Amino acid sequence: VQLQASGGGLVQIGGSLRLSCAASGRPFSHYVMGWFRQAPGKEREFVAAISGSGFSTRYADSVKGRFTISRDNAKNTVYLLMDSLVSEDTAVYYCAADFAGGLGYRLYEYDYWGQGTLVTVSS
């Protein structure tokens, strides 16, 4: 499985940004997709996950109510819509795929990782 994340950039505090992650290599609907992020000097952390069908989602408390994860299985793509961005959201964002299907939040639960896309939130 190959994952390609895109959509990062510079955005003002309070603004919005949508990240995309295109997948190839195996039937997309067979696996859970997740978004993680890593801020400078910090460990990589869970952001959101979505089931293969798209019916179930999970969010970190820090982004709940501001971020929305979704997927389009026909396009083999998962999205992360980020609203009401704050400076603490500045990080490299990574998409990941999990074949176990458990909507996990731990890094080791994910089998494949994309290369990351940088999001910078600034005033």
PDB file of N, CA and C in Angstrom:
ATOM      1  N   VAL A   1       0.845  -1.193   0.000  1.00  0.00           N
ATOM      2  CA  VAL A   1       0.000   0.000   0.000  1.00  0.00           C
ATOM      3  C   VAL A   1       0.883   1.246   0.000  1.00  0.00           C
ATOM      4  N   GLN A   2       0.566   2.169  -0.876  1.00  0.00           N
ATOM      5  CA  GLN A   2       1.279   3.448  -0.899  1.00  0.00           C
ATOM      6  C   GLN A   2       0.302   4.561  -0.564  1.00  0.00           C
ATOM      7  N   LEU A   3       0.739   5.459   0.290  1.00  0.00           N
ATOM      8  CA  LEU A   3      -0.099   6.568   0.729  1.00  0.00           C
ATOM      9  C   LEU A   3       0.589   7.877   0.395  1.00  0.00           C
ATOM     10  N   GLN A   4      -0.163   8.802  -0.156  1.00  0.00           N
ATOM     11  CA  GLN A   4       0.377  10.102  -0.545  1.00  0.00           C
ATOM     12  C   GLN A   4      -0.486  11.201   0.053  1.00  0.00           C
ATOM     13  N   ALA A   5       0.054  11.884   1.057  1.00  0.00           N
ATOM     14  CA  ALA A   5      -0.671  12.973   1.704  1.00  0.00           C
ATOM     15  C   ALA A   5      -0.380  14.292   1.009  1.00  0.00           C
ATOM     16  N   SER A   6      -1.379  15.164   0.988  1.00  0.00           N
ATOM     17  CA  SER A   6      -1.218  16.478   0.373  1.00  0.00           C
ATOM     18  C   SER A   6      -2.192  17.461   1.014  1.00  0.00           C
ATOM     19  N   GLY A   7      -2.020  18.744   0.684  1.00  0.00           N
ATOM     20  CA  GLY A   7      -2.955  19.758   1.151  1.00  0.00           C
ATOM     21  C   GLY A   7      -2.447  20.636   2.269  1.00  0.00           C
ATOM     22  N   GLY A   8      -1.265  20.355   2.774  1.00  0.00           N
ATOM     23  CA  GLY A   8      -0.721  21.187   3.832  1.00  0.00           C
ATOM     24  C   GLY A   8      -0.344  22.562   3.327  1.00  0.00           C
ATOM     25  N   GLY A   9      -0.075  23.456   4.269  1.00  0.00           N
ATOM     26  CA  GLY A   9       0.317  24.799   3.891  1.00  0.00           C
ATOM     27  C   GLY A   9       0.261  25.741   5.076  1.00  0.00           C
ATOM     28  N   LEU A  10       0.341  27.025   4.781  1.00  0.00           N
ATOM     29  CA  LEU A  10       0.289  28.069   5.801  1.00  0.00           C
ATOM     30  C   LEU A  10      -1.128  28.627   5.887  1.00  0.00           C
ATOM     31  N   VAL A  11      -1.672  28.674   7.095  1.00  0.00           N
ATOM     32  CA  VAL A  11      -3.030  29.165   7.299  1.00  0.00           C
ATOM     33  C   VAL A  11      -3.059  30.022   8.553  1.00  0.00           C
ATOM     34  N   GLN A  12      -3.944  30.995   8.563  1.00  0.00           N
ATOM     35  CA  GLN A  12      -4.052  31.875   9.722  1.00  0.00           C
ATOM     36  C   GLN A  12      -4.841  31.213  10.850  1.00  0.00           C
ATOM     37  N   ILE A  13      -4.603  31.665  12.045  1.00  0.00           N
ATOM     38  CA  ILE A  13      -5.371  31.202  13.201  1.00  0.00           C
ATOM     39  C   ILE A  13      -6.853  31.444  12.937  1.00  0.00           C
ATOM     40  N   GLY A  14      -7.643  30.422  13.217  1.00  0.00           N
ATOM     41  CA  GLY A  14      -9.074  30.495  12.967  1.00  0.00           C
ATOM     42  C   GLY A  14      -9.481  30.046  11.580  1.00  0.00           C
ATOM     43  N   GLY A  15      -8.515  29.802  10.737  1.00  0.00           N
ATOM     44  CA  GLY A  15      -8.791  29.400   9.363  1.00  0.00           C
ATOM     45  C   GLY A  15      -9.051  27.910   9.226  1.00  0.00           C
ATOM     46  N   SER A  16      -9.197  27.482   7.964  1.00  0.00           N
ATOM     47  CA  SER A  16      -9.499  26.084   7.658  1.00  0.00           C
ATOM     48  C   SER A  16      -8.551  25.554   6.598  1.00  0.00           C
ATOM     49  N   LEU A  17      -8.413  24.242   6.604  1.00  0.00           N
ATOM     50  CA  LEU A  17      -7.559  23.579   5.623  1.00  0.00           C
ATOM     51  C   LEU A  17      -8.069  22.157   5.463  1.00  0.00           C
ATOM     52  N   ARG A  18      -7.984  21.619   4.260  1.00  0.00           N
ATOM     53  CA  ARG A  18      -8.369  20.233   4.042  1.00  0.00           C
ATOM     54  C   ARG A  18      -7.176  19.439   3.529  1.00  0.00           C
ATOM     55  N   LEU A  19      -6.861  18.390   4.239  1.00  0.00           N
ATOM     56  CA  LEU A  19      -5.804  17.478   3.825  1.00  0.00           C
ATOM     57  C   LEU A  19      -6.413  16.300   3.072  1.00  0.00           C
ATOM     58  N   SER A  20      -5.649  15.754   2.147  1.00  0.00           N
ATOM     59  CA  SER A  20      -6.063  14.577   1.400  1.00  0.00           C
ATOM     60  C   SER A  20      -4.972  13.522   1.486  1.00  0.00           C
ATOM     61  N   CYS A  21      -5.384  12.278   1.386  1.00  0.00           N
ATOM     62  CA  CYS A  21      -4.432  11.173   1.365  1.00  0.00           C
ATOM     63  C   CYS A  21      -4.926  10.154   0.344  1.00  0.00           C
ATOM     64  N   ALA A  22      -4.180  10.007  -0.724  1.00  0.00           N
ATOM     65  CA  ALA A  22      -4.532   9.065  -1.772  1.00  0.00           C
ATOM     66  C   ALA A  22      -3.816   7.743  -1.540  1.00  0.00           C
ATOM     67  N   ALA A  23      -4.556   6.640  -1.681  1.00  0.00           N
ATOM     68  CA  ALA A  23      -3.998   5.319  -1.426  1.00  0.00           C
ATOM     69  C   ALA A  23      -4.007   4.477  -2.691  1.00  0.00           C
ATOM     70  N   SER A  24      -3.051   3.573  -2.774  1.00  0.00           N
ATOM     71  CA  SER A  24      -3.003   2.643  -3.901  1.00  0.00           C
ATOM     72  C   SER A  24      -2.417   1.324  -3.419  1.00  0.00           C
ATOM     73  N   GLY A  25      -2.731   0.260  -4.114  1.00  0.00           N
ATOM     74  CA  GLY A  25      -2.100  -1.022  -3.835  1.00  0.00           C
ATOM     75  C   GLY A  25      -3.012  -2.118  -3.343  1.00  0.00           C
ATOM     76  N   ARG A  26      -4.034  -1.812  -2.581  1.00  0.00           N
ATOM     77  CA  ARG A  26      -4.975  -2.822  -2.088  1.00  0.00           C
ATOM     78  C   ARG A  26      -6.365  -2.200  -2.040  1.00  0.00           C
ATOM     79  N   PRO A  27      -7.399  -3.029  -2.017  1.00  0.00           N
ATOM     80  CA  PRO A  27      -8.758  -2.477  -1.958  1.00  0.00           C
ATOM     81  C   PRO A  27      -8.919  -1.509  -0.793  1.00  0.00           C
ATOM     82  N   PHE A  28      -9.187  -0.267  -1.097  1.00  0.00           N
ATOM     83  CA  PHE A  28      -9.167   0.811  -0.119  1.00  0.00           C
ATOM     84  C   PHE A  28     -10.168   0.599   1.004  1.00  0.00           C
ATOM     85  N   SER A  29     -11.341   0.101   0.677  1.00  0.00           N
ATOM     86  CA  SER A  29     -12.401  -0.034   1.669  1.00  0.00           C
ATOM     87  C   SER A  29     -12.114  -1.133   2.697  1.00  0.00           C
ATOM     88  N   HIS A  30     -11.026  -1.880   2.536  1.00  0.00           N
ATOM     89  CA  HIS A  30     -10.718  -2.976   3.450  1.00  0.00           C
ATOM     90  C   HIS A  30     -10.005  -2.521   4.707  1.00  0.00           C
ATOM     91  N   TYR A  31      -9.591  -1.273   4.778  1.00  0.00           N
ATOM     92  CA  TYR A  31      -8.812  -0.899   5.949  1.00  0.00           C
ATOM     93  C   TYR A  31      -9.200   0.444   6.545  1.00  0.00           C
ATOM     94  N   VAL A  32      -8.957   0.500   7.835  1.00  0.00           N
ATOM     95  CA  VAL A  32      -9.142   1.738   8.591  1.00  0.00           C
ATOM     96  C   VAL A  32      -8.062   2.736   8.161  1.00  0.00           C
ATOM     97  N   MET A  33      -8.446   3.995   8.085  1.00  0.00           N
ATOM     98  CA  MET A  33      -7.487   5.052   7.783  1.00  0.00           C
ATOM     99  C   MET A  33      -7.392   6.002   8.971  1.00  0.00           C
ATOM    100  N   GLY A  34      -6.199   6.445   9.238  1.00  0.00           N
ATOM    101  CA  GLY A  34      -5.988   7.362  10.349  1.00  0.00           C
ATOM    102  C   GLY A  34      -5.134   8.546   9.956  1.00  0.00           C
ATOM    103  N   TRP A  35      -5.280   9.604  10.718  1.00  0.00           N
ATOM    104  CA  TRP A  35      -4.410  10.777  10.604  1.00  0.00           C
ATOM    105  C   TRP A  35      -3.678  10.951  11.931  1.00  0.00           C
ATOM    106  N   PHE A  36      -2.400  11.206  11.841  1.00  0.00           N
ATOM    107  CA  PHE A  36      -1.563  11.501  12.989  1.00  0.00           C
ATOM    108  C   PHE A  36      -0.815  12.805  12.705  1.00  0.00           C
ATOM    109  N   ARG A  37      -0.231  13.385  13.729  1.00  0.00           N
ATOM    110  CA  ARG A  37       0.566  14.581  13.513  1.00  0.00           C
ATOM    111  C   ARG A  37       1.754  14.606  14.461  1.00  0.00           C
ATOM    112  N   GLN A  38       2.775  15.326  14.043  1.00  0.00           N
ATOM    113  CA  GLN A  38       3.973  15.455  14.859  1.00  0.00           C
ATOM    114  C   GLN A  38       4.443  16.900  14.827  1.00  0.00           C
ATOM    115  N   ALA A  39       4.347  17.547  15.977  1.00  0.00           N
ATOM    116  CA  ALA A  39       4.797  18.926  16.111  1.00  0.00           C
ATOM    117  C   ALA A  39       6.309  18.938  16.388  1.00  0.00           C
ATOM    118  N   PRO A  40       6.974  20.037  16.109  1.00  0.00           N
ATOM    119  CA  PRO A  40       8.420  20.124  16.355  1.00  0.00           C
ATOM    120  C   PRO A  40       8.776  19.791  17.802  1.00  0.00           C
ATOM    121  N   GLY A  41       9.685  18.854  17.984  1.00  0.00           N
ATOM    122  CA  GLY A  41      10.139  18.492  19.306  1.00  0.00           C
ATOM    123  C   GLY A  41       9.194  17.608  20.089  1.00  0.00           C
ATOM    124  N   LYS A  42       8.125  17.152  19.454  1.00  0.00           N
ATOM    125  CA  LYS A  42       7.150  16.319  20.157  1.00  0.00           C
ATOM    126  C   LYS A  42       6.990  14.974  19.475  1.00  0.00           C
ATOM    127  N   GLU A  43       6.361  14.040  20.182  1.00  0.00           N
ATOM    128  CA  GLU A  43       6.113  12.731  19.617  1.00  0.00           C
ATOM    129  C   GLU A  43       4.912  12.785  18.672  1.00  0.00           C
ATOM    130  N   ARG A  44       4.886  11.836  17.765  1.00  0.00           N
ATOM    131  CA  ARG A  44       3.744  11.734  16.864  1.00  0.00           C
ATOM    132  C   ARG A  44       2.510  11.333  17.665  1.00  0.00           C
ATOM    133  N   GLU A  45       1.385  11.981  17.352  1.00  0.00           N
ATOM    134  CA  GLU A  45       0.166  11.727  18.113  1.00  0.00           C
ATOM    135  C   GLU A  45      -1.024  11.484  17.191  1.00  0.00           C
ATOM    136  N   PHE A  46      -1.978  10.748  17.716  1.00  0.00           N
ATOM    137  CA  PHE A  46      -3.208  10.428  16.994  1.00  0.00           C
ATOM    138  C   PHE A  46      -4.075  11.668  16.832  1.00  0.00           C
ATOM    139  N   VAL A  47      -4.701  11.773  15.661  1.00  0.00           N
ATOM    140  CA  VAL A  47      -5.636  12.861  15.395  1.00  0.00           C
ATOM    141  C   VAL A  47      -7.044  12.318  15.160  1.00  0.00           C
ATOM    142  N   ALA A  48      -7.191  11.406  14.202  1.00  0.00           N
ATOM    143  CA  ALA A  48      -8.514  10.901  13.856  1.00  0.00           C
ATOM    144  C   ALA A  48      -8.378   9.596  13.083  1.00  0.00           C
ATOM    145  N   ALA A  49      -9.446   8.807  13.108  1.00  0.00           N
ATOM    146  CA  ALA A  49      -9.490   7.559  12.354  1.00  0.00           C
ATOM    147  C   ALA A  49     -10.897   7.339  11.827  1.00  0.00           C
ATOM    148  N   ILE A  50     -10.987   6.581  10.727  1.00  0.00           N
ATOM    149  CA  ILE A  50     -12.280   6.296  10.118  1.00  0.00           C
ATOM    150  C   ILE A  50     -12.299   4.855   9.654  1.00  0.00           C
ATOM    151  N   SER A  51     -13.428   4.187   9.834  1.00  0.00           N
ATOM    152  CA  SER A  51     -13.555   2.799   9.447  1.00  0.00           C
ATOM    153  C   SER A  51     -13.561   2.651   7.929  1.00  0.00           C
ATOM    154  N   GLY A  52     -13.429   1.416   7.470  1.00  0.00           N
ATOM    155  CA  GLY A  52     -13.397   1.167   6.039  1.00  0.00           C
ATOM    156  C   GLY A  52     -14.653   1.616   5.316  1.00  0.00           C
ATOM    157  N   SER A  53     -15.783   1.458   5.975  1.00  0.00           N
ATOM    158  CA  SER A  53     -17.067   1.857   5.385  1.00  0.00           C
ATOM    159  C   SER A  53     -17.292   3.364   5.466  1.00  0.00           C
ATOM    160  N   GLY A  54     -16.587   3.998   6.412  1.00  0.00           N
ATOM    161  CA  GLY A  54     -16.794   5.427   6.639  1.00  0.00           C
ATOM    162  C   GLY A  54     -17.846   5.731   7.687  1.00  0.00           C
ATOM    163  N   PHE A  55     -18.501   4.694   8.219  1.00  0.00           N
ATOM    164  CA  PHE A  55     -19.596   4.910   9.156  1.00  0.00           C
ATOM    165  C   PHE A  55     -19.132   5.211  10.572  1.00  0.00           C
ATOM    166  N   SER A  56     -17.924   4.791  10.904  1.00  0.00           N
ATOM    167  CA  SER A  56     -17.428   5.010  12.263  1.00  0.00           C
ATOM    168  C   SER A  56     -16.183   5.879  12.239  1.00  0.00           C
ATOM    169  N   THR A  57     -16.111   6.788  13.191  1.00  0.00           N
ATOM    170  CA  THR A  57     -14.956   7.681  13.302  1.00  0.00           C
ATOM    171  C   THR A  57     -14.521   7.793  14.760  1.00  0.00           C
ATOM    172  N   ARG A  58     -13.300   8.263  14.925  1.00  0.00           N
ATOM    173  CA  ARG A  58     -12.750   8.476  16.262  1.00  0.00           C
ATOM    174  C   ARG A  58     -11.838   9.687  16.193  1.00  0.00           C
ATOM    175  N   TYR A  59     -11.864  10.523  17.241  1.00  0.00           N
ATOM    176  CA  TYR A  59     -11.064  11.740  17.253  1.00  0.00           C
ATOM    177  C   TYR A  59     -10.309  11.890  18.567  1.00  0.00           C
ATOM    178  N   ALA A  60      -9.162  12.520  18.481  1.00  0.00           N
ATOM    179  CA  ALA A  60      -8.478  12.942  19.687  1.00  0.00           C
ATOM    180  C   ALA A  60      -9.272  14.080  20.324  1.00  0.00           C
ATOM    181  N   ASP A  61      -9.220  14.157  21.645  1.00  0.00           N
ATOM    182  CA  ASP A  61      -9.977  15.197  22.343  1.00  0.00           C
ATOM    183  C   ASP A  61      -9.572  16.598  21.885  1.00  0.00           C
ATOM    184  N   SER A  62      -8.328  16.764  21.531  1.00  0.00           N
ATOM    185  CA  SER A  62      -7.813  18.090  21.176  1.00  0.00           C
ATOM    186  C   SER A  62      -8.392  18.623  19.862  1.00  0.00           C
ATOM    187  N   VAL A  63      -8.951  17.745  19.032  1.00  0.00           N
ATOM    188  CA  VAL A  63      -9.471  18.194  17.735  1.00  0.00           C
ATOM    189  C   VAL A  63     -10.972  17.954  17.592  1.00  0.00           C
ATOM    190  N   LYS A  64     -11.566  17.280  18.560  1.00  0.00           N
ATOM    191  CA  LYS A  64     -12.987  16.948  18.485  1.00  0.00           C
ATOM    192  C   LYS A  64     -13.816  18.225  18.350  1.00  0.00           C
ATOM    193  N   GLY A  65     -14.720  18.214  17.387  1.00  0.00           N
ATOM    194  CA  GLY A  65     -15.559  19.376  17.150  1.00  0.00           C
ATOM    195  C   GLY A  65     -14.959  20.382  16.183  1.00  0.00           C
ATOM    196  N   ARG A  66     -13.666  20.245  15.872  1.00  0.00           N
ATOM    197  CA  ARG A  66     -13.012  21.159  14.934  1.00  0.00           C
ATOM    198  C   ARG A  66     -12.565  20.449  13.651  1.00  0.00           C
ATOM    199  N   PHE A  67     -12.182  19.185  13.780  1.00  0.00           N
ATOM    200  CA  PHE A  67     -11.686  18.419  12.628  1.00  0.00           C
ATOM    201  C   PHE A  67     -12.735  17.378  12.232  1.00  0.00           C
ATOM    202  N   THR A  68     -12.782  17.077  10.945  1.00  0.00           N
ATOM    203  CA  THR A  68     -13.690  16.056  10.431  1.00  0.00           C
ATOM    204  C   THR A  68     -12.933  15.145   9.473  1.00  0.00           C
ATOM    205  N   ILE A  69     -12.954  13.857   9.771  1.00  0.00           N
ATOM    206  CA  ILE A  69     -12.332  12.888   8.881  1.00  0.00           C
ATOM    207  C   ILE A  69     -13.424  12.261   8.012  1.00  0.00           C
ATOM    208  N   SER A  70     -13.106  12.045   6.747  1.00  0.00           N
ATOM    209  CA  SER A  70     -14.050  11.425   5.827  1.00  0.00           C
ATOM    210  C   SER A  70     -13.256  10.657   4.778  1.00  0.00           C
ATOM    211  N   ARG A  71     -13.972   9.856   3.996  1.00  0.00           N
ATOM    212  CA  ARG A  71     -13.292   9.092   2.959  1.00  0.00           C
ATOM    213  C   ARG A  71     -14.205   8.922   1.766  1.00  0.00           C
ATOM    214  N   ASP A  72     -13.587   8.773   0.609  1.00  0.00           N
ATOM    215  CA  ASP A  72     -14.299   8.486  -0.630  1.00  0.00           C
ATOM    216  C   ASP A  72     -13.674   7.211  -1.187  1.00  0.00           C
ATOM    217  N   ASN A  73     -14.323   6.084  -0.966  1.00  0.00           N
ATOM    218  CA  ASN A  73     -13.735   4.815  -1.380  1.00  0.00           C
ATOM    219  C   ASN A  73     -13.663   4.674  -2.902  1.00  0.00           C
ATOM    220  N   ALA A  74     -14.511   5.373  -3.609  1.00  0.00           N
ATOM    221  CA  ALA A  74     -14.454   5.334  -5.063  1.00  0.00           C
ATOM    222  C   ALA A  74     -13.196   6.029  -5.590  1.00  0.00           C
ATOM    223  N   LYS A  75     -12.682   6.980  -4.804  1.00  0.00           N
ATOM    224  CA  LYS A  75     -11.479   7.716  -5.202  1.00  0.00           C
ATOM    225  C   LYS A  75     -10.239   7.270  -4.424  1.00  0.00           C
ATOM    226  N   ASN A  76     -10.399   6.252  -3.574  1.00  0.00           N
ATOM    227  CA  ASN A  76      -9.281   5.760  -2.752  1.00  0.00           C
ATOM    228  C   ASN A  76      -8.608   6.892  -1.973  1.00  0.00           C
ATOM    229  N   THR A  77      -9.416   7.744  -1.393  1.00  0.00           N
ATOM    230  CA  THR A  77      -8.886   8.937  -0.739  1.00  0.00           C
ATOM    231  C   THR A  77      -9.559   9.163   0.613  1.00  0.00           C
ATOM    232  N   VAL A  78      -8.770   9.564   1.581  1.00  0.00           N
ATOM    233  CA  VAL A  78      -9.284   9.976   2.883  1.00  0.00           C
ATOM    234  C   VAL A  78      -8.948  11.447   3.063  1.00  0.00           C
ATOM    235  N   TYR A  79      -9.839  12.146   3.759  1.00  0.00           N
ATOM    236  CA  TYR A  79      -9.686  13.586   3.937  1.00  0.00           C
ATOM    237  C   TYR A  79      -9.670  13.943   5.416  1.00  0.00           C
ATOM    238  N   LEU A  80      -9.066  15.070   5.712  1.00  0.00           N
ATOM    239  CA  LEU A  80      -9.140  15.636   7.052  1.00  0.00           C
ATOM    240  C   LEU A  80      -9.437  17.120   6.896  1.00  0.00           C
ATOM    241  N   LEU A  81     -10.667  17.500   7.216  1.00  0.00           N
ATOM    242  CA  LEU A  81     -11.065  18.901   7.176  1.00  0.00           C
ATOM    243  C   LEU A  81     -10.784  19.501   8.545  1.00  0.00           C
ATOM    244  N   MET A  82      -9.982  20.542   8.555  1.00  0.00           N
ATOM    245  CA  MET A  82      -9.571  21.168   9.811  1.00  0.00           C
ATOM    246  C   MET A  82     -10.119  22.585   9.862  1.00  0.00           C
ATOM    247  N   ASP A  83     -10.971  22.835  10.833  1.00  0.00           N
ATOM    248  CA  ASP A  83     -11.556  24.157  11.034  1.00  0.00           C
ATOM    249  C   ASP A  83     -11.065  24.759  12.345  1.00  0.00           C
ATOM    250  N   SER A  84     -11.271  26.060  12.483  1.00  0.00           N
ATOM    251  CA  SER A  84     -10.917  26.774  13.722  1.00  0.00           C
ATOM    252  C   SER A  84      -9.503  26.438  14.173  1.00  0.00           C
ATOM    253  N   LEU A  85      -8.598  26.515  13.249  1.00  0.00           N
ATOM    254  CA  LEU A  85      -7.220  26.123  13.540  1.00  0.00           C
ATOM    255  C   LEU A  85      -6.574  27.057  14.555  1.00  0.00           C
ATOM    256  N   VAL A  86      -5.752  26.464  15.402  1.00  0.00           N
ATOM    257  CA  VAL A  86      -4.989  27.201  16.413  1.00  0.00           C
ATOM    258  C   VAL A  86      -3.509  26.894  16.212  1.00  0.00           C
ATOM    259  N   SER A  87      -2.673  27.693  16.835  1.00  0.00           N
ATOM    260  CA  SER A  87      -1.228  27.536  16.632  1.00  0.00           C
ATOM    261  C   SER A  87      -0.743  26.150  17.049  1.00  0.00           C
ATOM    262  N   GLU A  88      -1.430  25.568  18.020  1.00  0.00           N
ATOM    263  CA  GLU A  88      -1.030  24.231  18.490  1.00  0.00           C
ATOM    264  C   GLU A  88      -1.290  23.132  17.460  1.00  0.00           C
ATOM    265  N   ASP A  89      -2.005  23.452  16.415  1.00  0.00           N
ATOM    266  CA  ASP A  89      -2.254  22.481  15.341  1.00  0.00           C
ATOM    267  C   ASP A  89      -1.085  22.423  14.353  1.00  0.00           C
ATOM    268  N   THR A  90      -0.127  23.311  14.491  1.00  0.00           N
ATOM    269  CA  THR A  90       1.044  23.294  13.623  1.00  0.00           C
ATOM    270  C   THR A  90       1.814  21.995  13.798  1.00  0.00           C
ATOM    271  N   ALA A  91       1.993  21.277  12.698  1.00  0.00           N
ATOM    272  CA  ALA A  91       2.654  19.965  12.758  1.00  0.00           C
ATOM    273  C   ALA A  91       2.774  19.403  11.345  1.00  0.00           C
ATOM    274  N   VAL A  92       3.540  18.348  11.241  1.00  0.00           N
ATOM    275  CA  VAL A  92       3.510  17.526  10.037  1.00  0.00           C
ATOM    276  C   VAL A  92       2.415  16.490  10.237  1.00  0.00           C
ATOM    277  N   TYR A  93       1.507  16.412   9.285  1.00  0.00           N
ATOM    278  CA  TYR A  93       0.377  15.494   9.370  1.00  0.00           C
ATOM    279  C   TYR A  93       0.636  14.278   8.484  1.00  0.00           C
ATOM    280  N   TYR A  94       0.398  13.101   9.059  1.00  0.00           N
ATOM    281  CA  TYR A  94       0.623  11.844   8.372  1.00  0.00           C
ATOM    282  C   TYR A  94      -0.677  11.053   8.268  1.00  0.00           C
ATOM    283  N   CYS A  95      -0.892  10.423   7.124  1.00  0.00           N
ATOM    284  CA  CYS A  95      -1.987   9.473   7.021  1.00  0.00           C
ATOM    285  C   CYS A  95      -1.415   8.063   7.158  1.00  0.00           C
ATOM    286  N   ALA A  96      -2.252   7.147   7.612  1.00  0.00           N
ATOM    287  CA  ALA A  96      -1.809   5.779   7.860  1.00  0.00           C
ATOM    288  C   ALA A  96      -2.957   4.815   7.622  1.00  0.00           C
ATOM    289  N   ALA A  97      -2.610   3.576   7.306  1.00  0.00           N
ATOM    290  CA  ALA A  97      -3.598   2.541   7.024  1.00  0.00           C
ATOM    291  C   ALA A  97      -3.429   1.369   7.978  1.00  0.00           C
ATOM    292  N   ASP A  98      -4.560   0.855   8.457  1.00  0.00           N
ATOM    293  CA  ASP A  98      -4.581  -0.249   9.421  1.00  0.00           C
ATOM    294  C   ASP A  98      -5.483  -1.359   8.905  1.00  0.00           C
ATOM    295  N   PHE A  99      -4.923  -2.571   8.726  1.00  0.00           N
ATOM    296  CA  PHE A  99      -5.706  -3.675   8.211  1.00  0.00           C
ATOM    297  C   PHE A  99      -6.457  -4.443   9.285  1.00  0.00           C
ATOM    298  N   ALA A 100      -6.179  -4.137  10.544  1.00  0.00           N
ATOM    299  CA  ALA A 100      -6.857  -4.867  11.612  1.00  0.00           C
ATOM    300  C   ALA A 100      -8.265  -4.347  11.830  1.00  0.00           C
ATOM    301  N   GLY A 101      -8.508  -3.099  11.451  1.00  0.00           N
ATOM    302  CA  GLY A 101      -9.867  -2.590  11.501  1.00  0.00           C
ATOM    303  C   GLY A 101     -10.398  -2.200  12.856  1.00  0.00           C
ATOM    304  N   GLY A 102      -9.533  -1.728  13.770  1.00  0.00           N
ATOM    305  CA  GLY A 102     -10.007  -1.462  15.110  1.00  0.00           C
ATOM    306  C   GLY A 102     -10.164  -0.009  15.490  1.00  0.00           C
ATOM    307  N   LEU A 103     -10.063   0.917  14.529  1.00  0.00           N
ATOM    308  CA  LEU A 103     -10.114   2.352  14.834  1.00  0.00           C
ATOM    309  C   LEU A 103      -9.132   2.708  15.938  1.00  0.00           C
ATOM    310  N   GLY A 104      -7.930   2.180  15.841  1.00  0.00           N
ATOM    311  CA  GLY A 104      -6.934   2.387  16.872  1.00  0.00           C
ATOM    312  C   GLY A 104      -6.360   3.779  16.890  1.00  0.00           C
ATOM    313  N   TYR A 105      -5.762   4.136  18.026  1.00  0.00           N
ATOM    314  CA  TYR A 105      -5.114   5.440  18.175  1.00  0.00           C
ATOM    315  C   TYR A 105      -3.619   5.305  18.430  1.00  0.00           C
ATOM    316  N   ARG A 106      -3.117   4.099  18.473  1.00  0.00           N
ATOM    317  CA  ARG A 106      -1.699   3.879  18.728  1.00  0.00           C
ATOM    318  C   ARG A 106      -0.942   3.716  17.421  1.00  0.00           C
ATOM    319  N   LEU A 107       0.248   4.250  17.354  1.00  0.00           N
ATOM    320  CA  LEU A 107       1.033   4.223  16.131  1.00  0.00           C
ATOM    321  C   LEU A 107       1.281   2.798  15.631  1.00  0.00           C
ATOM    322  N   TYR A 108       1.554   1.874  16.570  1.00  0.00           N
ATOM    323  CA  TYR A 108       1.935   0.523  16.161  1.00  0.00           C
ATOM    324  C   TYR A 108       0.765  -0.255  15.547  1.00  0.00           C
ATOM    325  N   GLU A 109      -0.440   0.254  15.683  1.00  0.00           N
ATOM    326  CA  GLU A 109      -1.599  -0.427  15.117  1.00  0.00           C
ATOM    327  C   GLU A 109      -1.719  -0.209  13.613  1.00  0.00           C
ATOM    328  N   TYR A 110      -0.958   0.719  13.081  1.00  0.00           N
ATOM    329  CA  TYR A 110      -1.057   1.068  11.670  1.00  0.00           C
ATOM    330  C   TYR A 110       0.088   0.445  10.889  1.00  0.00           C
ATOM    331  N   ASP A 111      -0.263  -0.106   9.732  1.00  0.00           N
ATOM    332  CA  ASP A 111       0.687  -0.899   8.951  1.00  0.00           C
ATOM    333  C   ASP A 111       1.454  -0.093   7.908  1.00  0.00           C
ATOM    334  N   TYR A 112       0.827   0.941   7.366  1.00  0.00           N
ATOM    335  CA  TYR A 112       1.452   1.725   6.300  1.00  0.00           C
ATOM    336  C   TYR A 112       1.298   3.200   6.612  1.00  0.00           C
ATOM    337  N   TRP A 113       2.306   3.965   6.205  1.00  0.00           N
ATOM    338  CA  TRP A 113       2.335   5.401   6.488  1.00  0.00           C
ATOM    339  C   TRP A 113       2.674   6.190   5.234  1.00  0.00           C
ATOM    340  N   GLY A 114       2.043   7.364   5.130  1.00  0.00           N
ATOM    341  CA  GLY A 114       2.398   8.298   4.078  1.00  0.00           C
ATOM    342  C   GLY A 114       3.587   9.145   4.501  1.00  0.00           C
ATOM    343  N   GLN A 115       3.987  10.046   3.613  1.00  0.00           N
ATOM    344  CA  GLN A 115       5.216  10.801   3.849  1.00  0.00           C
ATOM    345  C   GLN A 115       5.018  12.053   4.701  1.00  0.00           C
ATOM    346  N   GLY A 116       3.811  12.479   4.931  1.00  0.00           N
ATOM    347  CA  GLY A 116       3.549  13.651   5.738  1.00  0.00           C
ATOM    348  C   GLY A 116       3.407  14.928   4.938  1.00  0.00           C
ATOM    349  N   THR A 117       2.576  15.824   5.446  1.00  0.00           N
ATOM    350  CA  THR A 117       2.391  17.138   4.837  1.00  0.00           C
ATOM    351  C   THR A 117       2.364  18.177   5.960  1.00  0.00           C
ATOM    352  N   LEU A 118       3.079  19.278   5.771  1.00  0.00           N
ATOM    353  CA  LEU A 118       3.263  20.266   6.825  1.00  0.00           C
ATOM    354  C   LEU A 118       2.111  21.263   6.860  1.00  0.00           C
ATOM    355  N   VAL A 119       1.574  21.440   8.052  1.00  0.00           N
ATOM    356  CA  VAL A 119       0.555  22.452   8.308  1.00  0.00           C
ATOM    357  C   VAL A 119       1.124  23.462   9.295  1.00  0.00           C
ATOM    358  N   THR A 120       1.113  24.724   8.896  1.00  0.00           N
ATOM    359  CA  THR A 120       1.613  25.791   9.765  1.00  0.00           C
ATOM    360  C   THR A 120       0.485  26.781  10.020  1.00  0.00           C
ATOM    361  N   VAL A 121       0.144  26.951  11.286  1.00  0.00           N
ATOM    362  CA  VAL A 121      -0.912  27.878  11.671  1.00  0.00           C
ATOM    363  C   VAL A 121      -0.258  29.081  12.327  1.00  0.00           C
ATOM    364  N   SER A 122      -0.496  30.239  11.732  1.00  0.00           N
ATOM    365  CA  SER A 122       0.204  31.432  12.196  1.00  0.00           C
ATOM    366  C   SER A 122      -0.725  32.631  12.213  1.00  0.00           C
ATOM    367  N   SER A 123      -0.403  33.571  13.047  1.00  0.00           N
ATOM    368  CA  SER A 123      -1.167  34.818  13.066  1.00  0.00           C
ATOM    369  C   SER A 123      -0.607  35.796  12.031  1.00  0.00           C
TER     370      SER A 123
END
